[in-house]
Amino acid sequence: MLIIGLTGSIGMGKSTCAAMFRAEGVPVHDSDAAVHDLYRGAAAPLIEAAFPGTVRDEVVDRARLSQRVLGDSDALKTLERIVHPLVAADRDAFLSASAAKGERIVVFDIPLLFETGGETACDVVCVVSASFDVQKQRVLGRPGMTEDKFLAIIAKQMPDEEKRRRAHFVIWSDRGFASARRQIEDLLRCVEAMPGSAARRPGSR
């Protein structure tokens, strides 16, 4: 089974591209969605023990948790030590289920793929990118977002130029949906044509 690592900085269009992979019949493991589920389940009591008062009705209050860890590198590391192993276990379960179904290609949708060393678990890496102006416009259009907050977020992420340099494929999302879809189709054809690849999707040519 061939694993495509999908990543991209905030506002680059990664989630939209992940949906396009699903539309092509490729299973996608969404790390952000896994975290949301864990905050409503297994991670909640562990986070409450580490950060008392951040869980309400057995669900992590993300706003309160953000206030506790924002700007505190030690607190952030503590949170990561709790959450990352649980997300990895969820990803392993996804892989096992995909293998049992006979899937030949899967996607790991991981926002901080390079920052966490997650690329080592992938066969190929795809970065979703766009111009800085488009990225900024998209992010500032989100509720509650400010320019200072946007700049603080991207300061903690690997520069987009470096991500593109380290990727096997780059999908430019600022050229419209149709263009992004064609780029994904081309990527999948390239992957399927790799020498010795068993990554054939049902119905692919």
N, C-alpha and C. Protein backbone atom coordinates (compact mmCIF):
# COMPACT_ATOMS: atom_id res chain seq x y z
N MET A 1 0.85 -1.19 0.00
CA MET A 1 0.00 0.00 0.00
C MET A 1 0.88 1.24 0.00
N LEU A 2 0.62 2.14 -0.92
CA LEU A 2 1.42 3.35 -1.05
C LEU A 2 0.78 4.48 -0.26
N ILE A 3 1.61 5.18 0.52
CA ILE A 3 1.12 6.25 1.38
C ILE A 3 1.55 7.60 0.83
N ILE A 4 0.57 8.46 0.58
CA ILE A 4 0.84 9.84 0.16
C ILE A 4 0.66 10.74 1.37
N GLY A 5 1.70 11.48 1.71
CA GLY A 5 1.60 12.46 2.77
C GLY A 5 1.14 13.78 2.19
N LEU A 6 0.02 14.28 2.67
CA LEU A 6 -0.55 15.54 2.17
C LEU A 6 -0.41 16.61 3.25
N THR A 7 0.21 17.72 2.89
CA THR A 7 0.39 18.78 3.87
C THR A 7 0.33 20.14 3.20
N GLY A 8 0.37 21.17 4.01
CA GLY A 8 0.30 22.55 3.50
C GLY A 8 0.03 23.49 4.65
N SER A 9 0.55 24.67 4.57
CA SER A 9 0.36 25.65 5.64
C SER A 9 -1.09 26.12 5.69
N ILE A 10 -1.41 26.83 6.75
CA ILE A 10 -2.77 27.34 6.94
C ILE A 10 -3.22 28.17 5.73
N GLY A 11 -4.46 27.92 5.29
CA GLY A 11 -5.03 28.71 4.20
C GLY A 11 -4.58 28.32 2.81
N MET A 12 -3.83 27.24 2.68
CA MET A 12 -3.31 26.85 1.37
C MET A 12 -4.30 26.01 0.54
N GLY A 13 -5.33 25.48 1.21
CA GLY A 13 -6.31 24.68 0.48
C GLY A 13 -6.13 23.19 0.64
N LYS A 14 -5.42 22.77 1.67
CA LYS A 14 -5.14 21.35 1.88
C LYS A 14 -6.42 20.54 2.08
N SER A 15 -7.33 21.04 2.90
CA SER A 15 -8.56 20.30 3.18
C SER A 15 -9.40 20.11 1.91
N THR A 16 -9.43 21.14 1.07
CA THR A 16 -10.15 21.04 -0.20
C THR A 16 -9.53 19.96 -1.08
N CYS A 17 -8.21 19.93 -1.12
CA CYS A 17 -7.52 18.91 -1.93
C CYS A 17 -7.73 17.52 -1.35
N ALA A 18 -7.77 17.40 -0.01
CA ALA A 18 -8.04 16.11 0.61
C ALA A 18 -9.40 15.59 0.17
N ALA A 19 -10.38 16.47 0.09
CA ALA A 19 -11.72 16.08 -0.37
C ALA A 19 -11.67 15.60 -1.82
N MET A 20 -10.79 16.21 -2.63
CA MET A 20 -10.66 15.80 -4.02
C MET A 20 -10.02 14.41 -4.13
N PHE A 21 -9.08 14.09 -3.24
CA PHE A 21 -8.52 12.74 -3.21
C PHE A 21 -9.62 11.73 -2.88
N ARG A 22 -10.46 12.07 -1.90
CA ARG A 22 -11.57 11.18 -1.55
C ARG A 22 -12.49 10.97 -2.74
N ALA A 23 -12.75 12.06 -3.47
CA ALA A 23 -13.63 11.96 -4.65
C ALA A 23 -13.04 11.04 -5.71
N GLU A 24 -11.71 10.89 -5.71
CA GLU A 24 -11.04 9.98 -6.64
C GLU A 24 -11.01 8.55 -6.12
N GLY A 25 -11.63 8.33 -4.96
CA GLY A 25 -11.69 6.99 -4.40
C GLY A 25 -10.53 6.62 -3.51
N VAL A 26 -9.73 7.61 -3.10
CA VAL A 26 -8.56 7.35 -2.27
C VAL A 26 -8.92 7.64 -0.80
N PRO A 27 -8.78 6.65 0.09
CA PRO A 27 -9.06 6.89 1.51
C PRO A 27 -8.10 7.91 2.10
N VAL A 28 -8.61 8.79 2.96
CA VAL A 28 -7.81 9.85 3.56
C VAL A 28 -7.94 9.78 5.08
N HIS A 29 -6.81 9.76 5.76
CA HIS A 29 -6.82 9.90 7.22
C HIS A 29 -6.55 11.36 7.56
N ASP A 30 -7.52 11.99 8.20
CA ASP A 30 -7.46 13.42 8.53
C ASP A 30 -7.00 13.56 9.98
N SER A 31 -5.78 14.04 10.18
CA SER A 31 -5.24 14.18 11.54
C SER A 31 -6.05 15.17 12.37
N ASP A 32 -6.47 16.27 11.76
CA ASP A 32 -7.26 17.26 12.50
C ASP A 32 -8.58 16.66 12.97
N ALA A 33 -9.23 15.90 12.10
CA ALA A 33 -10.50 15.26 12.48
C ALA A 33 -10.28 14.25 13.59
N ALA A 34 -9.15 13.54 13.53
CA ALA A 34 -8.82 12.58 14.58
C ALA A 34 -8.66 13.28 15.92
N VAL A 35 -8.01 14.44 15.91
CA VAL A 35 -7.83 15.20 17.15
C VAL A 35 -9.18 15.65 17.71
N HIS A 36 -10.07 16.11 16.84
CA HIS A 36 -11.41 16.52 17.29
C HIS A 36 -12.12 15.36 17.97
N ASP A 37 -12.04 14.17 17.37
CA ASP A 37 -12.68 12.99 17.96
C ASP A 37 -12.04 12.64 19.30
N LEU A 38 -10.72 12.73 19.37
CA LEU A 38 -10.02 12.42 20.61
C LEU A 38 -10.36 13.40 21.72
N TYR A 39 -10.59 14.66 21.34
CA TYR A 39 -10.96 15.67 22.34
C TYR A 39 -12.35 15.40 22.91
N ARG A 40 -13.12 14.60 22.21
CA ARG A 40 -14.44 14.20 22.72
C ARG A 40 -14.38 12.81 23.36
N GLY A 41 -13.19 12.21 23.36
CA GLY A 41 -13.07 10.83 23.85
C GLY A 41 -11.83 10.59 24.67
N ALA A 42 -10.94 9.74 24.15
CA ALA A 42 -9.82 9.23 24.94
C ALA A 42 -8.88 10.30 25.47
N ALA A 43 -8.71 11.41 24.73
CA ALA A 43 -7.75 12.43 25.15
C ALA A 43 -8.30 13.33 26.25
N ALA A 44 -9.61 13.42 26.36
CA ALA A 44 -10.22 14.40 27.29
C ALA A 44 -9.76 14.23 28.74
N PRO A 45 -9.85 13.02 29.33
CA PRO A 45 -9.43 12.90 30.73
C PRO A 45 -7.92 13.13 30.93
N LEU A 46 -7.12 12.78 29.93
CA LEU A 46 -5.67 12.98 30.02
C LEU A 46 -5.34 14.47 29.98
N ILE A 47 -6.05 15.21 29.12
CA ILE A 47 -5.82 16.65 29.01
C ILE A 47 -6.32 17.36 30.26
N GLU A 48 -7.43 16.92 30.80
CA GLU A 48 -7.95 17.54 32.02
C GLU A 48 -6.97 17.33 33.19
N ALA A 49 -6.35 16.16 33.24
CA ALA A 49 -5.38 15.89 34.30
C ALA A 49 -4.16 16.80 34.18
N ALA A 50 -3.74 17.05 32.94
CA ALA A 50 -2.57 17.90 32.71
C ALA A 50 -2.90 19.38 32.78
N PHE A 51 -4.13 19.73 32.34
CA PHE A 51 -4.54 21.14 32.30
C PHE A 51 -5.94 21.26 32.92
N PRO A 52 -6.01 21.23 34.25
CA PRO A 52 -7.31 21.27 34.93
C PRO A 52 -8.17 22.46 34.50
N GLY A 53 -9.45 22.18 34.29
CA GLY A 53 -10.38 23.23 33.92
C GLY A 53 -10.54 23.43 32.42
N THR A 54 -9.88 22.59 31.61
CA THR A 54 -9.97 22.74 30.15
C THR A 54 -10.99 21.79 29.52
N VAL A 55 -11.65 20.97 30.36
CA VAL A 55 -12.64 20.01 29.84
C VAL A 55 -14.00 20.33 30.45
N ARG A 56 -15.01 20.40 29.58
CA ARG A 56 -16.38 20.63 30.02
C ARG A 56 -17.26 19.51 29.50
N ASP A 57 -18.04 18.91 30.39
CA ASP A 57 -18.96 17.84 30.00
C ASP A 57 -18.23 16.76 29.21
N GLU A 58 -17.02 16.42 29.67
CA GLU A 58 -16.20 15.35 29.11
C GLU A 58 -15.69 15.65 27.70
N VAL A 59 -15.73 16.94 27.31
CA VAL A 59 -15.22 17.37 26.01
C VAL A 59 -14.22 18.50 26.23
N VAL A 60 -13.09 18.42 25.54
CA VAL A 60 -12.07 19.47 25.69
C VAL A 60 -12.60 20.79 25.14
N ASP A 61 -12.50 21.82 25.93
CA ASP A 61 -12.84 23.17 25.50
C ASP A 61 -11.61 23.73 24.79
N ARG A 62 -11.67 23.74 23.47
CA ARG A 62 -10.49 24.10 22.68
C ARG A 62 -10.03 25.53 22.95
N ALA A 63 -10.96 26.44 23.20
CA ALA A 63 -10.60 27.83 23.47
C ALA A 63 -9.82 27.92 24.78
N ARG A 64 -10.32 27.24 25.81
CA ARG A 64 -9.63 27.25 27.09
C ARG A 64 -8.25 26.59 26.99
N LEU A 65 -8.20 25.48 26.28
CA LEU A 65 -6.92 24.79 26.12
C LEU A 65 -5.92 25.66 25.37
N SER A 66 -6.40 26.34 24.34
CA SER A 66 -5.52 27.23 23.57
C SER A 66 -4.94 28.32 24.47
N GLN A 67 -5.78 28.86 25.35
CA GLN A 67 -5.30 29.90 26.27
C GLN A 67 -4.22 29.37 27.20
N ARG A 68 -4.34 28.10 27.58
CA ARG A 68 -3.38 27.51 28.51
C ARG A 68 -2.02 27.24 27.85
N VAL A 69 -2.03 26.89 26.58
CA VAL A 69 -0.77 26.48 25.94
C VAL A 69 -0.17 27.56 25.05
N LEU A 70 -0.96 28.58 24.71
CA LEU A 70 -0.49 29.63 23.81
C LEU A 70 0.71 30.36 24.42
N GLY A 71 1.81 30.35 23.69
CA GLY A 71 3.00 31.05 24.14
C GLY A 71 3.80 30.32 25.21
N ASP A 72 3.39 29.10 25.57
CA ASP A 72 4.09 28.32 26.59
C ASP A 72 4.61 27.04 25.94
N SER A 73 5.87 27.04 25.58
CA SER A 73 6.44 25.91 24.84
C SER A 73 6.40 24.61 25.66
N ASP A 74 6.60 24.70 26.97
CA ASP A 74 6.55 23.49 27.81
C ASP A 74 5.15 22.91 27.85
N ALA A 75 4.15 23.79 27.97
CA ALA A 75 2.77 23.31 27.99
C ALA A 75 2.40 22.69 26.65
N LEU A 76 2.86 23.30 25.58
CA LEU A 76 2.58 22.75 24.25
C LEU A 76 3.21 21.38 24.08
N LYS A 77 4.41 21.20 24.56
CA LYS A 77 5.07 19.89 24.48
C LYS A 77 4.33 18.85 25.30
N THR A 78 3.82 19.25 26.45
CA THR A 78 3.02 18.33 27.26
C THR A 78 1.78 17.89 26.51
N LEU A 79 1.11 18.84 25.87
CA LEU A 79 -0.08 18.52 25.09
C LEU A 79 0.26 17.58 23.94
N GLU A 80 1.36 17.84 23.27
CA GLU A 80 1.78 17.00 22.15
C GLU A 80 2.10 15.57 22.61
N ARG A 81 2.70 15.44 23.79
CA ARG A 81 3.01 14.10 24.32
C ARG A 81 1.73 13.31 24.60
N ILE A 82 0.66 14.02 24.88
CA ILE A 82 -0.63 13.35 25.11
C ILE A 82 -1.30 12.99 23.79
N VAL A 83 -1.35 13.96 22.89
CA VAL A 83 -2.18 13.82 21.68
C VAL A 83 -1.50 13.02 20.57
N HIS A 84 -0.23 13.28 20.32
CA HIS A 84 0.43 12.66 19.16
C HIS A 84 0.39 11.14 19.17
N PRO A 85 0.66 10.46 20.30
CA PRO A 85 0.57 8.99 20.28
C PRO A 85 -0.84 8.49 19.99
N LEU A 86 -1.85 9.21 20.48
CA LEU A 86 -3.23 8.80 20.23
C LEU A 86 -3.59 8.96 18.76
N VAL A 87 -3.12 10.04 18.13
CA VAL A 87 -3.37 10.24 16.70
C VAL A 87 -2.64 9.17 15.90
N ALA A 88 -1.42 8.83 16.30
CA ALA A 88 -0.66 7.79 15.60
C ALA A 88 -1.38 6.45 15.68
N ALA A 89 -1.95 6.14 16.84
CA ALA A 89 -2.69 4.89 17.00
C ALA A 89 -3.93 4.88 16.11
N ASP A 90 -4.60 6.02 16.01
CA ASP A 90 -5.77 6.13 15.14
C ASP A 90 -5.37 5.95 13.68
N ARG A 91 -4.21 6.49 13.32
CA ARG A 91 -3.71 6.36 11.95
C ARG A 91 -3.35 4.91 11.64
N ASP A 92 -2.76 4.23 12.61
CA ASP A 92 -2.42 2.81 12.42
C ASP A 92 -3.69 1.98 12.21
N ALA A 93 -4.73 2.30 12.95
CA ALA A 93 -6.00 1.58 12.79
C ALA A 93 -6.58 1.83 11.40
N PHE A 94 -6.46 3.08 10.92
CA PHE A 94 -6.90 3.42 9.57
C PHE A 94 -6.13 2.61 8.53
N LEU A 95 -4.81 2.49 8.71
CA LEU A 95 -4.00 1.71 7.77
C LEU A 95 -4.43 0.25 7.76
N SER A 96 -4.64 -0.31 8.93
CA SER A 96 -5.04 -1.71 9.02
C SER A 96 -6.38 -1.94 8.33
N ALA A 97 -7.31 -1.03 8.56
CA ALA A 97 -8.63 -1.16 7.94
C ALA A 97 -8.53 -1.01 6.43
N SER A 98 -7.68 -0.09 5.96
CA SER A 98 -7.50 0.12 4.51
C SER A 98 -6.86 -1.10 3.87
N ALA A 99 -5.88 -1.70 4.55
CA ALA A 99 -5.23 -2.90 4.03
C ALA A 99 -6.22 -4.05 3.94
N ALA A 100 -7.07 -4.17 4.95
CA ALA A 100 -8.06 -5.24 4.95
C ALA A 100 -9.05 -5.10 3.80
N LYS A 101 -9.28 -3.85 3.36
CA LYS A 101 -10.19 -3.61 2.24
C LYS A 101 -9.49 -3.74 0.89
N GLY A 102 -8.18 -3.98 0.91
CA GLY A 102 -7.43 -4.12 -0.33
C GLY A 102 -7.06 -2.81 -0.99
N GLU A 103 -7.07 -1.71 -0.23
CA GLU A 103 -6.69 -0.41 -0.80
C GLU A 103 -5.21 -0.43 -1.21
N ARG A 104 -4.91 0.26 -2.30
CA ARG A 104 -3.53 0.32 -2.79
C ARG A 104 -2.90 1.69 -2.58
N ILE A 105 -3.72 2.72 -2.41
CA ILE A 105 -3.22 4.07 -2.15
C ILE A 105 -4.04 4.66 -1.01
N VAL A 106 -3.36 5.30 -0.06
CA VAL A 106 -4.05 6.05 0.99
C VAL A 106 -3.33 7.38 1.16
N VAL A 107 -4.04 8.31 1.77
CA VAL A 107 -3.47 9.65 2.02
C VAL A 107 -3.46 9.92 3.52
N PHE A 108 -2.32 10.42 4.01
CA PHE A 108 -2.23 10.95 5.36
C PHE A 108 -2.32 12.47 5.27
N ASP A 109 -3.41 13.04 5.73
CA ASP A 109 -3.60 14.50 5.74
C ASP A 109 -3.06 15.02 7.07
N ILE A 110 -1.84 15.59 7.06
CA ILE A 110 -1.18 16.01 8.28
C ILE A 110 -0.69 17.45 8.12
N PRO A 111 -1.30 18.40 8.81
CA PRO A 111 -0.90 19.81 8.65
C PRO A 111 0.59 20.05 8.94
N LEU A 112 1.10 19.45 10.01
CA LEU A 112 2.50 19.65 10.40
C LEU A 112 3.33 18.41 10.05
N LEU A 113 3.20 17.96 8.83
CA LEU A 113 3.88 16.73 8.41
C LEU A 113 5.39 16.83 8.59
N PHE A 114 6.00 17.86 8.02
CA PHE A 114 7.45 18.02 8.12
C PHE A 114 7.88 18.39 9.53
N GLU A 115 7.10 19.26 10.17
CA GLU A 115 7.46 19.75 11.50
C GLU A 115 7.52 18.63 12.53
N THR A 116 6.73 17.56 12.32
CA THR A 116 6.69 16.44 13.27
C THR A 116 7.45 15.22 12.77
N GLY A 117 8.11 15.33 11.61
CA GLY A 117 8.85 14.20 11.08
C GLY A 117 7.97 13.14 10.46
N GLY A 118 6.70 13.48 10.19
CA GLY A 118 5.76 12.50 9.66
C GLY A 118 6.05 12.05 8.24
N GLU A 119 6.90 12.80 7.52
CA GLU A 119 7.19 12.41 6.13
C GLU A 119 7.91 11.08 6.04
N THR A 120 8.55 10.66 7.15
CA THR A 120 9.29 9.39 7.13
C THR A 120 8.36 8.19 7.01
N ALA A 121 7.08 8.38 7.33
CA ALA A 121 6.11 7.30 7.23
C ALA A 121 5.41 7.26 5.87
N CYS A 122 5.79 8.18 4.98
CA CYS A 122 5.11 8.31 3.68
C CYS A 122 6.04 7.91 2.54
N ASP A 123 5.45 7.38 1.48
CA ASP A 123 6.22 7.02 0.29
C ASP A 123 6.48 8.24 -0.59
N VAL A 124 5.49 9.10 -0.69
CA VAL A 124 5.65 10.36 -1.42
C VAL A 124 4.96 11.46 -0.62
N VAL A 125 5.42 12.69 -0.81
CA VAL A 125 4.84 13.83 -0.10
C VAL A 125 4.31 14.84 -1.10
N CYS A 126 3.10 15.30 -0.84
CA CYS A 126 2.45 16.31 -1.68
C CYS A 126 2.16 17.55 -0.83
N VAL A 127 2.64 18.69 -1.28
CA VAL A 127 2.40 19.95 -0.58
C VAL A 127 1.40 20.79 -1.37
N VAL A 128 0.40 21.29 -0.69
CA VAL A 128 -0.58 22.20 -1.29
C VAL A 128 -0.11 23.62 -1.01
N SER A 129 -0.02 24.42 -2.06
CA SER A 129 0.53 25.76 -1.92
C SER A 129 -0.31 26.78 -2.68
N ALA A 130 -0.04 28.04 -2.37
CA ALA A 130 -0.68 29.17 -3.05
C ALA A 130 0.19 30.39 -2.80
N SER A 131 -0.10 31.47 -3.49
CA SER A 131 0.66 32.69 -3.25
C SER A 131 0.37 33.21 -1.85
N PHE A 132 1.29 33.98 -1.29
CA PHE A 132 1.10 34.51 0.06
C PHE A 132 -0.13 35.40 0.13
N ASP A 133 -0.37 36.20 -0.91
CA ASP A 133 -1.53 37.10 -0.90
C ASP A 133 -2.83 36.31 -0.83
N VAL A 134 -2.92 35.23 -1.59
CA VAL A 134 -4.12 34.40 -1.57
C VAL A 134 -4.26 33.72 -0.21
N GLN A 135 -3.16 33.19 0.30
CA GLN A 135 -3.18 32.55 1.61
C GLN A 135 -3.69 33.52 2.68
N LYS A 136 -3.14 34.71 2.69
CA LYS A 136 -3.52 35.71 3.69
C LYS A 136 -5.00 36.08 3.57
N GLN A 137 -5.46 36.28 2.35
CA GLN A 137 -6.87 36.64 2.12
C GLN A 137 -7.80 35.54 2.64
N ARG A 138 -7.44 34.29 2.38
CA ARG A 138 -8.27 33.17 2.83
C ARG A 138 -8.33 33.11 4.35
N VAL A 139 -7.17 33.22 4.98
CA VAL A 139 -7.11 33.06 6.43
C VAL A 139 -7.80 34.22 7.15
N LEU A 140 -7.59 35.44 6.68
CA LEU A 140 -8.21 36.59 7.34
C LEU A 140 -9.72 36.60 7.16
N GLY A 141 -10.22 35.81 6.23
CA GLY A 141 -11.66 35.70 6.04
C GLY A 141 -12.33 34.76 7.02
N ARG A 142 -11.53 34.10 7.86
CA ARG A 142 -12.09 33.18 8.84
C ARG A 142 -12.58 33.95 10.07
N PRO A 143 -13.65 33.47 10.69
CA PRO A 143 -14.19 34.14 11.88
C PRO A 143 -13.14 34.20 13.00
N GLY A 144 -13.00 35.37 13.61
CA GLY A 144 -12.12 35.52 14.75
C GLY A 144 -10.64 35.64 14.42
N MET A 145 -10.31 35.61 13.15
CA MET A 145 -8.90 35.68 12.76
C MET A 145 -8.46 37.13 12.62
N THR A 146 -7.25 37.41 13.09
CA THR A 146 -6.66 38.73 12.94
C THR A 146 -5.33 38.57 12.23
N GLU A 147 -4.80 39.67 11.72
CA GLU A 147 -3.52 39.60 11.03
C GLU A 147 -2.40 39.18 11.98
N ASP A 148 -2.43 39.67 13.21
CA ASP A 148 -1.40 39.29 14.18
C ASP A 148 -1.45 37.79 14.46
N LYS A 149 -2.66 37.27 14.61
CA LYS A 149 -2.81 35.83 14.87
C LYS A 149 -2.34 35.02 13.67
N PHE A 150 -2.69 35.48 12.48
CA PHE A 150 -2.25 34.80 11.25
C PHE A 150 -0.73 34.75 11.18
N LEU A 151 -0.07 35.87 11.42
CA LEU A 151 1.38 35.93 11.35
C LEU A 151 2.03 35.06 12.41
N ALA A 152 1.39 34.98 13.59
CA ALA A 152 1.92 34.13 14.66
C ALA A 152 1.83 32.67 14.29
N ILE A 153 0.75 32.30 13.61
CA ILE A 153 0.58 30.90 13.19
C ILE A 153 1.62 30.50 12.17
N ILE A 154 1.79 31.31 11.13
CA ILE A 154 2.74 30.92 10.08
C ILE A 154 4.18 30.99 10.57
N ALA A 155 4.43 31.80 11.61
CA ALA A 155 5.78 31.87 12.17
C ALA A 155 6.18 30.56 12.82
N LYS A 156 5.20 29.78 13.26
CA LYS A 156 5.47 28.50 13.92
C LYS A 156 5.54 27.35 12.92
N GLN A 157 5.19 27.61 11.67
CA GLN A 157 5.19 26.57 10.65
C GLN A 157 6.43 26.70 9.77
N MET A 158 6.82 25.57 9.21
CA MET A 158 7.93 25.60 8.27
C MET A 158 7.56 26.48 7.09
N PRO A 159 8.48 27.34 6.61
CA PRO A 159 8.17 28.20 5.47
C PRO A 159 7.66 27.40 4.27
N ASP A 160 6.69 27.97 3.59
CA ASP A 160 6.09 27.27 2.45
C ASP A 160 7.14 26.93 1.40
N GLU A 161 8.07 27.81 1.17
CA GLU A 161 9.12 27.55 0.17
C GLU A 161 9.92 26.30 0.53
N GLU A 162 10.21 26.13 1.81
CA GLU A 162 10.96 24.94 2.25
C GLU A 162 10.12 23.68 2.10
N LYS A 163 8.82 23.77 2.39
CA LYS A 163 7.94 22.62 2.21
C LYS A 163 7.91 22.20 0.74
N ARG A 164 7.80 23.18 -0.14
CA ARG A 164 7.76 22.86 -1.57
C ARG A 164 9.08 22.23 -2.03
N ARG A 165 10.17 22.71 -1.46
CA ARG A 165 11.48 22.17 -1.84
C ARG A 165 11.61 20.70 -1.44
N ARG A 166 10.99 20.33 -0.33
CA ARG A 166 11.13 18.97 0.20
C ARG A 166 10.06 18.01 -0.33
N ALA A 167 9.10 18.53 -1.07
CA ALA A 167 7.99 17.70 -1.54
C ALA A 167 8.33 16.99 -2.85
N HIS A 168 7.64 15.88 -3.07
CA HIS A 168 7.72 15.20 -4.37
C HIS A 168 6.76 15.84 -5.38
N PHE A 169 5.62 16.30 -4.87
CA PHE A 169 4.61 16.93 -5.72
C PHE A 169 4.12 18.21 -5.04
N VAL A 170 3.79 19.21 -5.86
CA VAL A 170 3.18 20.45 -5.36
C VAL A 170 1.88 20.68 -6.11
N ILE A 171 0.82 20.92 -5.35
CA ILE A 171 -0.48 21.26 -5.95
C ILE A 171 -0.72 22.74 -5.68
N TRP A 172 -0.87 23.51 -6.76
CA TRP A 172 -1.15 24.94 -6.63
C TRP A 172 -2.66 25.13 -6.57
N SER A 173 -3.13 25.63 -5.42
CA SER A 173 -4.57 25.72 -5.20
C SER A 173 -5.15 27.08 -5.56
N ASP A 174 -4.29 28.01 -5.99
CA ASP A 174 -4.80 29.35 -6.31
C ASP A 174 -5.12 29.51 -7.79
N ARG A 175 -5.26 28.40 -8.48
CA ARG A 175 -5.59 28.44 -9.91
C ARG A 175 -7.00 27.94 -10.20
N GLY A 176 -7.77 27.74 -9.13
CA GLY A 176 -9.15 27.30 -9.29
C GLY A 176 -9.33 25.82 -8.99
N PHE A 177 -10.58 25.43 -8.72
CA PHE A 177 -10.88 24.05 -8.36
C PHE A 177 -10.56 23.07 -9.48
N ALA A 178 -10.90 23.44 -10.69
CA ALA A 178 -10.68 22.53 -11.82
C ALA A 178 -9.19 22.24 -12.00
N SER A 179 -8.37 23.27 -11.85
CA SER A 179 -6.92 23.09 -11.96
C SER A 179 -6.40 22.17 -10.87
N ALA A 180 -6.84 22.38 -9.63
CA ALA A 180 -6.39 21.54 -8.52
C ALA A 180 -6.80 20.09 -8.75
N ARG A 181 -8.00 19.89 -9.26
CA ARG A 181 -8.48 18.53 -9.52
C ARG A 181 -7.63 17.86 -10.59
N ARG A 182 -7.27 18.59 -11.63
CA ARG A 182 -6.42 18.02 -12.68
C ARG A 182 -5.04 17.69 -12.14
N GLN A 183 -4.51 18.54 -11.27
CA GLN A 183 -3.21 18.27 -10.69
C GLN A 183 -3.23 16.99 -9.84
N ILE A 184 -4.31 16.79 -9.11
CA ILE A 184 -4.44 15.58 -8.30
C ILE A 184 -4.57 14.35 -9.19
N GLU A 185 -5.35 14.46 -10.25
CA GLU A 185 -5.47 13.34 -11.19
C GLU A 185 -4.12 13.00 -11.81
N ASP A 186 -3.34 14.02 -12.17
CA ASP A 186 -2.01 13.80 -12.74
C ASP A 186 -1.09 13.14 -11.71
N LEU A 187 -1.18 13.60 -10.46
CA LEU A 187 -0.36 13.02 -9.39
C LEU A 187 -0.66 11.54 -9.23
N LEU A 188 -1.93 11.19 -9.21
CA LEU A 188 -2.30 9.79 -9.03
C LEU A 188 -1.84 8.94 -10.21
N ARG A 189 -1.90 9.49 -11.42
CA ARG A 189 -1.39 8.74 -12.58
C ARG A 189 0.11 8.52 -12.45
N CYS A 190 0.83 9.53 -11.97
CA CYS A 190 2.28 9.39 -11.79
C CYS A 190 2.59 8.31 -10.76
N VAL A 191 1.84 8.33 -9.67
CA VAL A 191 2.07 7.35 -8.61
C VAL A 191 1.79 5.94 -9.11
N GLU A 192 0.71 5.79 -9.85
CA GLU A 192 0.35 4.47 -10.36
C GLU A 192 1.35 3.96 -11.40
N ALA A 193 2.04 4.88 -12.06
CA ALA A 193 2.99 4.50 -13.11
C ALA A 193 4.40 4.28 -12.59
N MET A 194 4.61 4.46 -11.29
CA MET A 194 5.94 4.25 -10.73
C MET A 194 6.38 2.81 -10.96
N PRO A 195 7.66 2.60 -11.34
CA PRO A 195 8.16 1.24 -11.56
C PRO A 195 7.93 0.35 -10.34
N GLY A 196 7.29 -0.79 -10.58
CA GLY A 196 7.05 -1.74 -9.49
C GLY A 196 5.89 -1.38 -8.60
N SER A 197 5.16 -0.31 -8.94
CA SER A 197 4.07 0.12 -8.07
C SER A 197 2.89 -0.84 -8.16
N ALA A 198 2.34 -1.15 -6.98
CA ALA A 198 1.12 -1.95 -6.90
C ALA A 198 -0.07 -1.04 -6.62
N ALA A 199 0.16 0.25 -6.73
CA ALA A 199 -0.86 1.24 -6.36
C ALA A 199 -1.84 1.45 -7.50
N ARG A 200 -2.65 0.47 -7.75
CA ARG A 200 -3.66 0.58 -8.79
C ARG A 200 -5.04 0.73 -8.18
N ARG A 201 -5.73 1.80 -8.53
CA ARG A 201 -7.09 1.98 -8.04
C ARG A 201 -8.06 1.23 -8.94
N PRO A 202 -9.18 0.75 -8.37
CA PRO A 202 -10.17 0.10 -9.20
C PRO A 202 -10.63 1.04 -10.32
N GLY A 203 -10.61 0.53 -11.55
CA GLY A 203 -11.06 1.31 -12.68
C GLY A 203 -10.00 2.20 -13.27
N SER A 204 -8.80 2.25 -12.69
CA SER A 204 -7.74 3.10 -13.24
C SER A 204 -7.14 2.44 -14.45
N ARG A 205 -6.55 3.30 -15.31
CA ARG A 205 -5.95 2.80 -16.55
C ARG A 205 -4.46 3.08 -16.57
